[in-house]
Amino acid sequence: MVRFAKLSFLLLGIALLGVVLHNTDMQSLWQQVERIGFGGMAAVLCVYALYFGADAVSWHIVLPAVALDGRWMARMFAVRMIGEAYNNITPTASMGGEPVKAWLLKSNWGVPLRDSGASLVIAKTTSMFSLVLFVGIGAAMLLVHERFTTQHKLIAAAGFAFIVLSAVVFFLMQHLKLSTQVARWLGRTRFGQRVGGALLAAEDIDRQFAAFYSGHRVRLLWSLLFAMANWMLGALEVYLIMSLLGVPLSFAEVWMIECMVQLVRTIAFFIPAGLGAQEGAFLVAVGARTGAPAAGVATALVRRFRDVLWIALSLAVAAAYAVTPARYARGELDAAKS
């Protein structure tokens, strides 16, 4: 059933991409893409490396078990590269690479799974709340922009409400210690008695959340700031691509476009790498602002090519850490025993 769902989501993404390309002037599209060139693609990768680095620092800050220095920053960057590559190639709501990150920290540098696991959830929380701020600003600008229709504005408002709700629910799951509540309920069942160690781990992680939120508020603020910088660098990347394509837009207008793209990607989280959804969002948003939807699809394809290059580089880094399915499976088994 799970495999069928994964295949269905992938096919849905391919179908969406097909619809987008069908509604795009292909000749104009390739003319746009050809303008990027090698130098332009190198510049896009440099901006993306900064984008990626801001997110890695945001996670690094909420992991008190490791030092805040350059050596650990490089390690966190590499681990995040590997984990995000797995997130992008597996249809698991951008969560397939999270266990890989925790396992790499434990197997290479002895970081306890409870510490890395808690930090990953907290980093996800700061990312979600910073996304709320980023999208909120973009949606506010979009609502008063004359080039976007009432339908676009309603979609933006509904999407923003969905992201706010998701962020609040995700935080409350930690604040209300739902993992502990579920663990206690399972503990009264026959199944719970068989996996008592895992249930104790859930309670321990909830205690990690409480300790961090109460004792590391300065770190939490810095993590939010770097997470916000991550989203803004994403908008800067779009600004750069659009400039290379010869479609001059203000940074505020690019912010609105990136806002709509992130709204769609968040709602379509179940589609691997947002395939088709990202292209459709660019088609609609850029088409509405400029009247040139092909430029939007070209921007999405440049991003997609950047993704391919970055994933290939990330998997090469993974090879240096010997991240293979067999070894990863052994790591999970060892973790379950510890």
C-alpha atoms as a PDB file:
ATOM      1  CA  MET A   1       0.000   0.000   0.000  1.00  0.00           C
ATOM      2  CA  VAL A   2       2.799   2.423   0.909  1.00  0.00           C
ATOM      3  CA  ARG A   3       4.679   1.629  -2.297  1.00  0.00           C
ATOM      4  CA  PHE A   4       1.505   2.187  -4.299  1.00  0.00           C
ATOM      5  CA  ALA A   5       0.990   5.572  -2.633  1.00  0.00           C
ATOM      6  CA  LYS A   6       4.596   6.614  -3.349  1.00  0.00           C
ATOM      7  CA  LEU A   7       4.244   5.608  -6.995  1.00  0.00           C
ATOM      8  CA  SER A   8       0.906   7.412  -7.231  1.00  0.00           C
ATOM      9  CA  PHE A   9       2.362  10.649  -5.857  1.00  0.00           C
ATOM     10  CA  LEU A  10       5.301  10.430  -8.260  1.00  0.00           C
ATOM     11  CA  LEU A  11       2.964   9.852 -11.212  1.00  0.00           C
ATOM     12  CA  LEU A  12       0.840  12.776 -10.046  1.00  0.00           C
ATOM     13  CA  GLY A  13       3.915  15.012 -10.079  1.00  0.00           C
ATOM     14  CA  ILE A  14       4.861  13.833 -13.576  1.00  0.00           C
ATOM     15  CA  ALA A  15       1.297  14.468 -14.759  1.00  0.00           C
ATOM     16  CA  LEU A  16       1.339  17.983 -13.297  1.00  0.00           C
ATOM     17  CA  LEU A  17       4.646  18.684 -15.017  1.00  0.00           C
ATOM     18  CA  GLY A  18       3.173  17.435 -18.288  1.00  0.00           C
ATOM     19  CA  VAL A  19       0.190  19.792 -17.917  1.00  0.00           C
ATOM     20  CA  VAL A  20       2.507  22.733 -17.206  1.00  0.00           C
ATOM     21  CA  LEU A  21       4.687  22.029 -20.245  1.00  0.00           C
ATOM     22  CA  HIS A  22       1.593  21.517 -22.412  1.00  0.00           C
ATOM     23  CA  ASN A  23       0.423  25.012 -21.468  1.00  0.00           C
ATOM     24  CA  THR A  24       3.822  26.591 -22.147  1.00  0.00           C
ATOM     25  CA  ASP A  25       5.239  27.961 -25.383  1.00  0.00           C
ATOM     26  CA  MET A  26       8.136  25.501 -25.694  1.00  0.00           C
ATOM     27  CA  GLN A  27      10.091  27.576 -28.207  1.00  0.00           C
ATOM     28  CA  SER A  28       9.971  30.602 -25.918  1.00  0.00           C
ATOM     29  CA  LEU A  29      10.815  28.367 -22.967  1.00  0.00           C
ATOM     30  CA  TRP A  30      14.060  27.033 -24.475  1.00  0.00           C
ATOM     31  CA  GLN A  31      15.057  30.491 -25.641  1.00  0.00           C
ATOM     32  CA  GLN A  32      14.710  31.652 -22.044  1.00  0.00           C
ATOM     33  CA  VAL A  33      16.685  28.737 -20.609  1.00  0.00           C
ATOM     34  CA  GLU A  34      19.549  29.200 -23.094  1.00  0.00           C
ATOM     35  CA  ARG A  35      20.156  32.706 -21.725  1.00  0.00           C
ATOM     36  CA  ILE A  36      21.396  31.368 -18.399  1.00  0.00           C
ATOM     37  CA  GLY A  37      24.738  30.005 -19.616  1.00  0.00           C
ATOM     38  CA  PHE A  38      27.515  28.377 -17.609  1.00  0.00           C
ATOM     39  CA  GLY A  39      28.411  31.525 -15.683  1.00  0.00           C
ATOM     40  CA  GLY A  40      24.808  32.187 -14.764  1.00  0.00           C
ATOM     41  CA  MET A  41      24.348  28.619 -13.535  1.00  0.00           C
ATOM     42  CA  ALA A  42      27.508  28.923 -11.427  1.00  0.00           C
ATOM     43  CA  ALA A  43      26.117  32.109  -9.862  1.00  0.00           C
ATOM     44  CA  VAL A  44      22.816  30.357  -9.112  1.00  0.00           C
ATOM     45  CA  LEU A  45      24.697  27.510  -7.395  1.00  0.00           C
ATOM     46  CA  CYS A  46      26.669  30.008  -5.293  1.00  0.00           C
ATOM     47  CA  VAL A  47      23.477  31.674  -4.049  1.00  0.00           C
ATOM     48  CA  TYR A  48      21.971  28.255  -3.350  1.00  0.00           C
ATOM     49  CA  ALA A  49      25.043  27.271  -1.325  1.00  0.00           C
ATOM     50  CA  LEU A  50      24.454  30.348   0.862  1.00  0.00           C
ATOM     51  CA  TYR A  51      20.752  29.441   1.105  1.00  0.00           C
ATOM     52  CA  PHE A  52      21.692  25.926   2.129  1.00  0.00           C
ATOM     53  CA  GLY A  53      24.314  27.172   4.570  1.00  0.00           C
ATOM     54  CA  ALA A  54      21.848  29.457   6.366  1.00  0.00           C
ATOM     55  CA  ASP A  55      19.556  26.488   6.961  1.00  0.00           C
ATOM     56  CA  ALA A  56      22.447  24.328   8.160  1.00  0.00           C
ATOM     57  CA  VAL A  57      23.499  27.034  10.651  1.00  0.00           C
ATOM     58  CA  SER A  58      19.887  27.318  11.837  1.00  0.00           C
ATOM     59  CA  TRP A  59      19.985  23.596  12.669  1.00  0.00           C
ATOM     60  CA  HIS A  60      23.512  23.763  14.128  1.00  0.00           C
ATOM     61  CA  ILE A  61      22.441  26.421  16.632  1.00  0.00           C
ATOM     62  CA  VAL A  62      19.682  24.245  18.126  1.00  0.00           C
ATOM     63  CA  LEU A  63      22.053  21.312  18.749  1.00  0.00           C
ATOM     64  CA  PRO A  64      23.745  22.297  22.053  1.00  0.00           C
ATOM     65  CA  ALA A  65      25.540  18.922  22.188  1.00  0.00           C
ATOM     66  CA  VAL A  66      28.122  20.169  19.649  1.00  0.00           C
ATOM     67  CA  ALA A  67      30.374  23.227  19.610  1.00  0.00           C
ATOM     68  CA  LEU A  68      29.503  26.342  17.649  1.00  0.00           C
ATOM     69  CA  ASP A  69      32.713  26.475  15.625  1.00  0.00           C
ATOM     70  CA  GLY A  70      33.842  26.247  12.017  1.00  0.00           C
ATOM     71  CA  ARG A  71      34.683  22.544  12.121  1.00  0.00           C
ATOM     72  CA  TRP A  72      31.246  21.570  13.352  1.00  0.00           C
ATOM     73  CA  MET A  73      29.617  24.004  10.952  1.00  0.00           C
ATOM     74  CA  ALA A  74      31.293  22.184   8.044  1.00  0.00           C
ATOM     75  CA  ARG A  75      30.155  18.829   9.448  1.00  0.00           C
ATOM     76  CA  MET A  76      26.568  20.009   9.853  1.00  0.00           C
ATOM     77  CA  PHE A  77      26.607  21.401   6.318  1.00  0.00           C
ATOM     78  CA  ALA A  78      27.804  18.054   4.903  1.00  0.00           C
ATOM     79  CA  VAL A  79      25.313  16.034   6.950  1.00  0.00           C
ATOM     80  CA  ARG A  80      22.484  18.279   5.867  1.00  0.00           C
ATOM     81  CA  MET A  81      23.539  17.926   2.219  1.00  0.00           C
ATOM     82  CA  ILE A  82      23.298  14.154   2.482  1.00  0.00           C
ATOM     83  CA  GLY A  83      20.026  14.171   4.407  1.00  0.00           C
ATOM     84  CA  GLU A  84      18.336  16.638   2.064  1.00  0.00           C
ATOM     85  CA  ALA A  85      19.392  14.551  -0.932  1.00  0.00           C
ATOM     86  CA  TYR A  86      17.464  11.664   0.608  1.00  0.00           C
ATOM     87  CA  ASN A  87      14.545  14.006   1.349  1.00  0.00           C
ATOM     88  CA  ASN A  88      14.387  15.026  -2.302  1.00  0.00           C
ATOM     89  CA  ILE A  89      14.547  11.546  -3.773  1.00  0.00           C
ATOM     90  CA  THR A  90      12.070   9.892  -1.391  1.00  0.00           C
ATOM     91  CA  PRO A  91       8.329  10.753  -1.248  1.00  0.00           C
ATOM     92  CA  THR A  92       8.125  10.958   2.544  1.00  0.00           C
ATOM     93  CA  ALA A  93       6.979  14.560   3.148  1.00  0.00           C
ATOM     94  CA  SER A  94      10.593  15.799   3.248  1.00  0.00           C
ATOM     95  CA  MET A  95      11.314  13.490   6.188  1.00  0.00           C
ATOM     96  CA  GLY A  96      13.087  10.565   4.527  1.00  0.00           C
ATOM     97  CA  GLY A  97      16.512  12.082   5.126  1.00  0.00           C
ATOM     98  CA  GLU A  98      16.010  13.066   8.770  1.00  0.00           C
ATOM     99  CA  PRO A  99      16.964   9.621  10.189  1.00  0.00           C
ATOM    100  CA  VAL A 100      20.007   9.665   7.891  1.00  0.00           C
ATOM    101  CA  LYS A 101      21.160  12.959   9.440  1.00  0.00           C
ATOM    102  CA  ALA A 102      20.770  11.611  12.981  1.00  0.00           C
ATOM    103  CA  TRP A 103      22.550   8.372  12.118  1.00  0.00           C
ATOM    104  CA  LEU A 104      25.472  10.193  10.471  1.00  0.00           C
ATOM    105  CA  LEU A 105      25.995  12.384  13.545  1.00  0.00           C
ATOM    106  CA  LYS A 106      25.950   9.337  15.810  1.00  0.00           C
ATOM    107  CA  SER A 107      28.102   7.003  13.714  1.00  0.00           C
ATOM    108  CA  ASN A 108      30.752   9.581  12.786  1.00  0.00           C
ATOM    109  CA  TRP A 109      30.999  11.816  15.864  1.00  0.00           C
ATOM    110  CA  GLY A 110      29.069  10.062  18.618  1.00  0.00           C
ATOM    111  CA  VAL A 111      26.227  12.569  18.924  1.00  0.00           C
ATOM    112  CA  PRO A 112      23.422  10.792  20.843  1.00  0.00           C
ATOM    113  CA  LEU A 113      20.313  10.081  18.797  1.00  0.00           C
ATOM    114  CA  ARG A 114      18.098  11.772  21.387  1.00  0.00           C
ATOM    115  CA  ASP A 115      20.044  15.029  20.958  1.00  0.00           C
ATOM    116  CA  SER A 116      20.159  14.989  17.169  1.00  0.00           C
ATOM    117  CA  GLY A 117      16.534  13.829  16.953  1.00  0.00           C
ATOM    118  CA  ALA A 118      15.308  16.656  19.174  1.00  0.00           C
ATOM    119  CA  SER A 119      17.410  19.222  17.303  1.00  0.00           C
ATOM    120  CA  LEU A 120      15.973  18.133  13.955  1.00  0.00           C
ATOM    121  CA  VAL A 121      12.419  18.646  15.215  1.00  0.00           C
ATOM    122  CA  ILE A 122      13.272  22.019  16.779  1.00  0.00           C
ATOM    123  CA  ALA A 123      15.029  23.133  13.578  1.00  0.00           C
ATOM    124  CA  LYS A 124      11.945  22.101  11.615  1.00  0.00           C
ATOM    125  CA  THR A 125       9.858  24.199  13.999  1.00  0.00           C
ATOM    126  CA  THR A 126      11.986  27.320  13.532  1.00  0.00           C
ATOM    127  CA  SER A 127      11.919  26.745   9.777  1.00  0.00           C
ATOM    128  CA  MET A 128       8.116  26.519   9.786  1.00  0.00           C
ATOM    129  CA  PHE A 129       7.625  29.645  11.900  1.00  0.00           C
ATOM    130  CA  SER A 130      10.102  31.635   9.815  1.00  0.00           C
ATOM    131  CA  LEU A 131       8.219  30.436   6.723  1.00  0.00           C
ATOM    132  CA  VAL A 132       5.034  31.779   8.304  1.00  0.00           C
ATOM    133  CA  LEU A 133       6.719  35.186   8.611  1.00  0.00           C
ATOM    134  CA  PHE A 134       8.180  35.048   5.094  1.00  0.00           C
ATOM    135  CA  VAL A 135       4.905  33.976   3.476  1.00  0.00           C
ATOM    136  CA  GLY A 136       2.896  36.389   5.635  1.00  0.00           C
ATOM    137  CA  ILE A 137       4.919  39.354   4.345  1.00  0.00           C
ATOM    138  CA  GLY A 138       4.713  38.090   0.772  1.00  0.00           C
ATOM    139  CA  ALA A 139       0.974  37.443   0.992  1.00  0.00           C
ATOM    140  CA  ALA A 140       0.371  40.909   2.462  1.00  0.00           C
ATOM    141  CA  MET A 141       2.196  42.518  -0.476  1.00  0.00           C
ATOM    142  CA  LEU A 142       0.388  40.263  -2.943  1.00  0.00           C
ATOM    143  CA  LEU A 143      -3.052  41.181  -1.568  1.00  0.00           C
ATOM    144  CA  VAL A 144      -2.559  44.845  -2.489  1.00  0.00           C
ATOM    145  CA  HIS A 145      -0.792  44.259  -5.816  1.00  0.00           C
ATOM    146  CA  GLU A 146      -2.935  45.185  -8.802  1.00  0.00           C
ATOM    147  CA  ARG A 147      -1.460  42.599 -11.192  1.00  0.00           C
ATOM    148  CA  PHE A 148      -2.709  39.613  -9.191  1.00  0.00           C
ATOM    149  CA  THR A 149      -6.350  38.604  -9.540  1.00  0.00           C
ATOM    150  CA  THR A 150      -8.867  38.046  -6.770  1.00  0.00           C
ATOM    151  CA  GLN A 151      -8.467  34.290  -7.302  1.00  0.00           C
ATOM    152  CA  HIS A 152      -4.693  34.516  -6.779  1.00  0.00           C
ATOM    153  CA  LYS A 153      -5.234  36.529  -3.612  1.00  0.00           C
ATOM    154  CA  LEU A 154      -7.772  34.049  -2.224  1.00  0.00           C
ATOM    155  CA  ILE A 155      -5.377  31.161  -2.903  1.00  0.00           C
ATOM    156  CA  ALA A 156      -2.551  33.053  -1.174  1.00  0.00           C
ATOM    157  CA  ALA A 157      -4.731  33.800   1.861  1.00  0.00           C
ATOM    158  CA  ALA A 158      -5.959  30.193   2.123  1.00  0.00           C
ATOM    159  CA  GLY A 159      -2.426  28.841   1.716  1.00  0.00           C
ATOM    160  CA  PHE A 160      -1.111  31.182   4.381  1.00  0.00           C
ATOM    161  CA  ALA A 161      -3.838  30.011   6.784  1.00  0.00           C
ATOM    162  CA  PHE A 162      -2.818  26.396   6.088  1.00  0.00           C
ATOM    163  CA  ILE A 163       0.859  27.113   6.831  1.00  0.00           C
ATOM    164  CA  VAL A 164      -0.006  28.952  10.059  1.00  0.00           C
ATOM    165  CA  LEU A 165      -2.194  26.054  11.194  1.00  0.00           C
ATOM    166  CA  SER A 166       0.508  23.512  10.334  1.00  0.00           C
ATOM    167  CA  ALA A 167       3.166  25.440  12.274  1.00  0.00           C
ATOM    168  CA  VAL A 168       0.956  25.865  15.333  1.00  0.00           C
ATOM    169  CA  VAL A 169      -0.062  22.196  15.378  1.00  0.00           C
ATOM    170  CA  PHE A 170       3.570  21.103  14.959  1.00  0.00           C
ATOM    171  CA  PHE A 171       4.637  23.270  17.896  1.00  0.00           C
ATOM    172  CA  LEU A 172       1.737  22.162  20.096  1.00  0.00           C
ATOM    173  CA  MET A 173       2.639  18.524  19.492  1.00  0.00           C
ATOM    174  CA  GLN A 174       5.928  19.295  21.249  1.00  0.00           C
ATOM    175  CA  HIS A 175       4.552  21.685  23.880  1.00  0.00           C
ATOM    176  CA  LEU A 176       1.764  19.313  24.925  1.00  0.00           C
ATOM    177  CA  LYS A 177       4.192  16.362  24.946  1.00  0.00           C
ATOM    178  CA  LEU A 178       2.028  14.289  22.638  1.00  0.00           C
ATOM    179  CA  SER A 179       4.838  11.767  22.139  1.00  0.00           C
ATOM    180  CA  THR A 180       4.781  11.079  25.876  1.00  0.00           C
ATOM    181  CA  GLN A 181       0.986  10.818  25.907  1.00  0.00           C
ATOM    182  CA  VAL A 182       1.057   8.330  23.039  1.00  0.00           C
ATOM    183  CA  ALA A 183       3.892   6.416  24.730  1.00  0.00           C
ATOM    184  CA  ARG A 184       1.929   6.107  27.959  1.00  0.00           C
ATOM    185  CA  TRP A 185      -1.153   4.944  26.107  1.00  0.00           C
ATOM    186  CA  LEU A 186       0.843   2.364  24.156  1.00  0.00           C
ATOM    187  CA  GLY A 187       2.562   1.286  27.351  1.00  0.00           C
ATOM    188  CA  ARG A 188      -0.750  -0.076  28.592  1.00  0.00           C
ATOM    189  CA  THR A 189      -1.075  -2.295  25.537  1.00  0.00           C
ATOM    190  CA  ARG A 190       0.633  -5.580  24.703  1.00  0.00           C
ATOM    191  CA  PHE A 191       2.412  -3.897  21.781  1.00  0.00           C
ATOM    192  CA  GLY A 192       3.734  -1.160  24.051  1.00  0.00           C
ATOM    193  CA  GLN A 193       5.244  -3.683  26.420  1.00  0.00           C
ATOM    194  CA  ARG A 194       7.295  -5.109  23.542  1.00  0.00           C
ATOM    195  CA  VAL A 195       8.811  -1.778  22.532  1.00  0.00           C
ATOM    196  CA  GLY A 196       9.337  -0.221  25.915  1.00  0.00           C
ATOM    197  CA  GLY A 197      12.765   1.165  24.989  1.00  0.00           C
ATOM    198  CA  ALA A 198      11.349   3.137  22.082  1.00  0.00           C
ATOM    199  CA  LEU A 199       8.594   4.538  24.296  1.00  0.00           C
ATOM    200  CA  LEU A 200      11.121   5.699  26.876  1.00  0.00           C
ATOM    201  CA  ALA A 201      13.021   7.385  24.040  1.00  0.00           C
ATOM    202  CA  ALA A 202       9.861   9.290  23.055  1.00  0.00           C
ATOM    203  CA  GLU A 203       9.496  10.580  26.614  1.00  0.00           C
ATOM    204  CA  ASP A 204      13.175  11.550  26.672  1.00  0.00           C
ATOM    205  CA  ILE A 205      12.829  13.558  23.456  1.00  0.00           C
ATOM    206  CA  ASP A 206       9.830  15.417  24.907  1.00  0.00           C
ATOM    207  CA  ARG A 207      11.990  16.360  27.877  1.00  0.00           C
ATOM    208  CA  GLN A 208      14.639  17.586  25.416  1.00  0.00           C
ATOM    209  CA  PHE A 209      12.049  19.875  23.815  1.00  0.00           C
ATOM    210  CA  ALA A 210      10.982  21.334  27.145  1.00  0.00           C
ATOM    211  CA  ALA A 211      14.588  21.877  28.272  1.00  0.00           C
ATOM    212  CA  PHE A 212      15.577  23.611  25.042  1.00  0.00           C
ATOM    213  CA  TYR A 213      12.565  25.914  24.789  1.00  0.00           C
ATOM    214  CA  SER A 214      12.958  27.014  28.409  1.00  0.00           C
ATOM    215  CA  GLY A 215      16.750  27.186  28.641  1.00  0.00           C
ATOM    216  CA  HIS A 216      18.009  28.218  25.183  1.00  0.00           C
ATOM    217  CA  ARG A 217      15.792  31.092  24.075  1.00  0.00           C
ATOM    218  CA  VAL A 218      18.689  33.080  22.628  1.00  0.00           C
ATOM    219  CA  ARG A 219      19.700  30.105  20.481  1.00  0.00           C
ATOM    220  CA  LEU A 220      16.079  29.727  19.409  1.00  0.00           C
ATOM    221  CA  LEU A 221      15.973  33.368  18.280  1.00  0.00           C
ATOM    222  CA  TRP A 222      19.217  33.018  16.298  1.00  0.00           C
ATOM    223  CA  SER A 223      17.913  29.840  14.702  1.00  0.00           C
ATOM    224  CA  LEU A 224      14.780  31.710  13.610  1.00  0.00           C
ATOM    225  CA  LEU A 225      16.877  34.528  12.152  1.00  0.00           C
ATOM    226  CA  PHE A 226      19.036  32.159  10.100  1.00  0.00           C
ATOM    227  CA  ALA A 227      15.944  30.232   8.988  1.00  0.00           C
ATOM    228  CA  MET A 228      14.427  33.522   7.810  1.00  0.00           C
ATOM    229  CA  ALA A 229      17.673  34.329   5.991  1.00  0.00           C
ATOM    230  CA  ASN A 230      17.306  30.954   4.266  1.00  0.00           C
ATOM    231  CA  TRP A 231      13.913  31.889   2.792  1.00  0.00           C
ATOM    232  CA  MET A 232      15.126  35.351   1.763  1.00  0.00           C
ATOM    233  CA  LEU A 233      18.115  33.822  -0.032  1.00  0.00           C
ATOM    234  CA  GLY A 234      15.643  31.609  -1.872  1.00  0.00           C
ATOM    235  CA  ALA A 235      13.896  34.771  -3.095  1.00  0.00           C
ATOM    236  CA  LEU A 236      17.297  36.226  -4.028  1.00  0.00           C
ATOM    237  CA  GLU A 237      17.970  33.133  -6.129  1.00  0.00           C
ATOM    238  CA  VAL A 238      14.716  33.694  -8.046  1.00  0.00           C
ATOM    239  CA  TYR A 239      15.629  37.364  -8.470  1.00  0.00           C
ATOM    240  CA  LEU A 240      18.980  36.346  -9.960  1.00  0.00           C
ATOM    241  CA  ILE A 241      17.450  33.778 -12.320  1.00  0.00           C
ATOM    242  CA  MET A 242      14.780  36.206 -13.522  1.00  0.00           C
ATOM    243  CA  SER A 243      17.448  38.854 -14.147  1.00  0.00           C
ATOM    244  CA  LEU A 244      19.521  36.377 -16.159  1.00  0.00           C
ATOM    245  CA  LEU A 245      16.411  35.525 -18.180  1.00  0.00           C
ATOM    246  CA  GLY A 246      15.952  39.208 -19.019  1.00  0.00           C
ATOM    247  CA  VAL A 247      12.779  39.622 -16.949  1.00  0.00           C
ATOM    248  CA  PRO A 248      13.481  42.539 -14.586  1.00  0.00           C
ATOM    249  CA  LEU A 249      11.399  42.457 -11.425  1.00  0.00           C
ATOM    250  CA  SER A 250      11.767  44.215  -8.098  1.00  0.00           C
ATOM    251  CA  PHE A 251      12.849  42.163  -5.097  1.00  0.00           C
ATOM    252  CA  ALA A 252       9.404  42.738  -3.547  1.00  0.00           C
ATOM    253  CA  GLU A 253       7.732  41.225  -6.629  1.00  0.00           C
ATOM    254  CA  VAL A 254      10.100  38.254  -6.543  1.00  0.00           C
ATOM    255  CA  TRP A 255       9.279  37.833  -2.838  1.00  0.00           C
ATOM    256  CA  MET A 256       5.583  37.549  -3.777  1.00  0.00           C
ATOM    257  CA  ILE A 257       6.364  34.967  -6.459  1.00  0.00           C
ATOM    258  CA  GLU A 258       8.527  32.900  -4.106  1.00  0.00           C
ATOM    259  CA  CYS A 259       5.769  33.193  -1.500  1.00  0.00           C
ATOM    260  CA  MET A 260       3.297  31.541  -3.880  1.00  0.00           C
ATOM    261  CA  VAL A 261       5.828  28.858  -4.828  1.00  0.00           C
ATOM    262  CA  GLN A 262       6.493  27.970  -1.180  1.00  0.00           C
ATOM    263  CA  LEU A 263       2.756  27.905  -0.457  1.00  0.00           C
ATOM    264  CA  VAL A 264       2.180  25.389  -3.240  1.00  0.00           C
ATOM    265  CA  ARG A 265       5.219  23.275  -2.300  1.00  0.00           C
ATOM    266  CA  THR A 266       4.110  23.133   1.339  1.00  0.00           C
ATOM    267  CA  ILE A 267       0.574  22.074   0.451  1.00  0.00           C
ATOM    268  CA  ALA A 268       1.874  19.528  -2.095  1.00  0.00           C
ATOM    269  CA  PHE A 269       4.426  18.101   0.376  1.00  0.00           C
ATOM    270  CA  PHE A 270       3.536  14.537  -0.573  1.00  0.00           C
ATOM    271  CA  ILE A 271       4.847  14.922  -4.158  1.00  0.00           C
ATOM    272  CA  PRO A 272       8.552  14.010  -4.421  1.00  0.00           C
ATOM    273  CA  ALA A 273      10.634  17.220  -4.713  1.00  0.00           C
ATOM    274  CA  GLY A 274       7.448  19.147  -5.512  1.00  0.00           C
ATOM    275  CA  LEU A 275       7.640  17.792  -9.073  1.00  0.00           C
ATOM    276  CA  GLY A 276       5.109  19.600 -11.262  1.00  0.00           C
ATOM    277  CA  ALA A 277       3.776  21.623  -8.325  1.00  0.00           C
ATOM    278  CA  GLN A 278       6.776  23.972  -8.311  1.00  0.00           C
ATOM    279  CA  GLU A 279       6.628  24.431 -12.080  1.00  0.00           C
ATOM    280  CA  GLY A 280       2.885  25.102 -11.942  1.00  0.00           C
ATOM    281  CA  ALA A 281       3.329  27.705  -9.215  1.00  0.00           C
ATOM    282  CA  PHE A 282       5.976  29.548 -11.239  1.00  0.00           C
ATOM    283  CA  LEU A 283       3.819  29.328 -14.367  1.00  0.00           C
ATOM    284  CA  VAL A 284       0.860  30.983 -12.610  1.00  0.00           C
ATOM    285  CA  ALA A 285       2.758  33.505 -10.448  1.00  0.00           C
ATOM    286  CA  VAL A 286       5.190  34.792 -13.089  1.00  0.00           C
ATOM    287  CA  GLY A 287       2.510  34.673 -15.778  1.00  0.00           C
ATOM    288  CA  ALA A 288       0.189  36.792 -13.642  1.00  0.00           C
ATOM    289  CA  ARG A 289       2.880  39.396 -12.927  1.00  0.00           C
ATOM    290  CA  THR A 290       4.671  39.599 -16.283  1.00  0.00           C
ATOM    291  CA  GLY A 291       2.328  38.063 -18.840  1.00  0.00           C
ATOM    292  CA  ALA A 292       5.195  35.707 -19.792  1.00  0.00           C
ATOM    293  CA  PRO A 293       4.433  32.314 -18.201  1.00  0.00           C
ATOM    294  CA  ALA A 294       7.291  30.713 -20.148  1.00  0.00           C
ATOM    295  CA  ALA A 295       9.717  32.784 -18.066  1.00  0.00           C
ATOM    296  CA  GLY A 296       8.203  31.282 -14.927  1.00  0.00           C
ATOM    297  CA  VAL A 297       8.559  27.726 -16.207  1.00  0.00           C
ATOM    298  CA  ALA A 298      12.137  28.508 -17.308  1.00  0.00           C
ATOM    299  CA  THR A 299      12.911  29.723 -13.776  1.00  0.00           C
ATOM    300  CA  ALA A 300      11.472  26.510 -12.349  1.00  0.00           C
ATOM    301  CA  LEU A 301      13.511  24.380 -14.765  1.00  0.00           C
ATOM    302  CA  VAL A 302      16.715  26.232 -13.871  1.00  0.00           C
ATOM    303  CA  ARG A 303      15.952  25.490 -10.219  1.00  0.00           C
ATOM    304  CA  ARG A 304      15.239  21.890 -11.107  1.00  0.00           C
ATOM    305  CA  PHE A 305      18.585  21.582 -12.904  1.00  0.00           C
ATOM    306  CA  ARG A 306      20.262  23.180  -9.878  1.00  0.00           C
ATOM    307  CA  ASP A 307      18.566  20.549  -7.712  1.00  0.00           C
ATOM    308  CA  VAL A 308      19.952  17.761  -9.890  1.00  0.00           C
ATOM    309  CA  LEU A 309      23.479  19.149  -9.685  1.00  0.00           C
ATOM    310  CA  TRP A 310      23.252  19.660  -5.920  1.00  0.00           C
ATOM    311  CA  ILE A 311      21.800  16.194  -5.284  1.00  0.00           C
ATOM    312  CA  ALA A 312      24.584  14.644  -7.371  1.00  0.00           C
ATOM    313  CA  LEU A 313      27.176  16.567  -5.349  1.00  0.00           C
ATOM    314  CA  SER A 314      25.434  15.564  -2.109  1.00  0.00           C
ATOM    315  CA  LEU A 315      25.437  11.884  -3.033  1.00  0.00           C
ATOM    316  CA  ALA A 316      29.150  12.165  -3.821  1.00  0.00           C
ATOM    317  CA  VAL A 317      29.645  13.572  -0.315  1.00  0.00           C
ATOM    318  CA  ALA A 318      27.534  10.685   1.003  1.00  0.00           C
ATOM    319  CA  ALA A 319      29.934   8.237  -0.623  1.00  0.00           C
ATOM    320  CA  ALA A 320      32.741   9.762   1.432  1.00  0.00           C
ATOM    321  CA  TYR A 321      30.751   8.957   4.568  1.00  0.00           C
ATOM    322  CA  ALA A 322      29.909   5.460   3.288  1.00  0.00           C
ATOM    323  CA  VAL A 323      26.156   6.067   3.357  1.00  0.00           C
ATOM    324  CA  THR A 324      24.865   2.910   1.697  1.00  0.00           C
ATOM    325  CA  PRO A 325      21.476   1.232   2.223  1.00  0.00           C
ATOM    326  CA  ALA A 326      23.104  -1.771   3.929  1.00  0.00           C
ATOM    327  CA  ARG A 327      25.187   0.302   6.309  1.00  0.00           C
ATOM    328  CA  TYR A 328      22.260   2.644   7.016  1.00  0.00           C
ATOM    329  CA  ALA A 329      20.128  -0.385   7.886  1.00  0.00           C
ATOM    330  CA  ARG A 330      22.827  -1.614  10.271  1.00  0.00           C
ATOM    331  CA  GLY A 331      22.929   1.844  11.832  1.00  0.00           C
ATOM    332  CA  GLU A 332      19.183   1.766  12.460  1.00  0.00           C
ATOM    333  CA  LEU A 333      19.494  -1.703  13.987  1.00  0.00           C
ATOM    334  CA  ASP A 334      22.287  -0.590  16.289  1.00  0.00           C
ATOM    335  CA  ALA A 335      20.308   2.464  17.299  1.00  0.00           C
ATOM    336  CA  ALA A 336      17.314   0.338  18.166  1.00  0.00           C
ATOM    337  CA  LYS A 337      19.483  -1.831  20.394  1.00  0.00           C
ATOM    338  CA  SER A 338      21.132   1.114  22.188  1.00  0.00           C
END
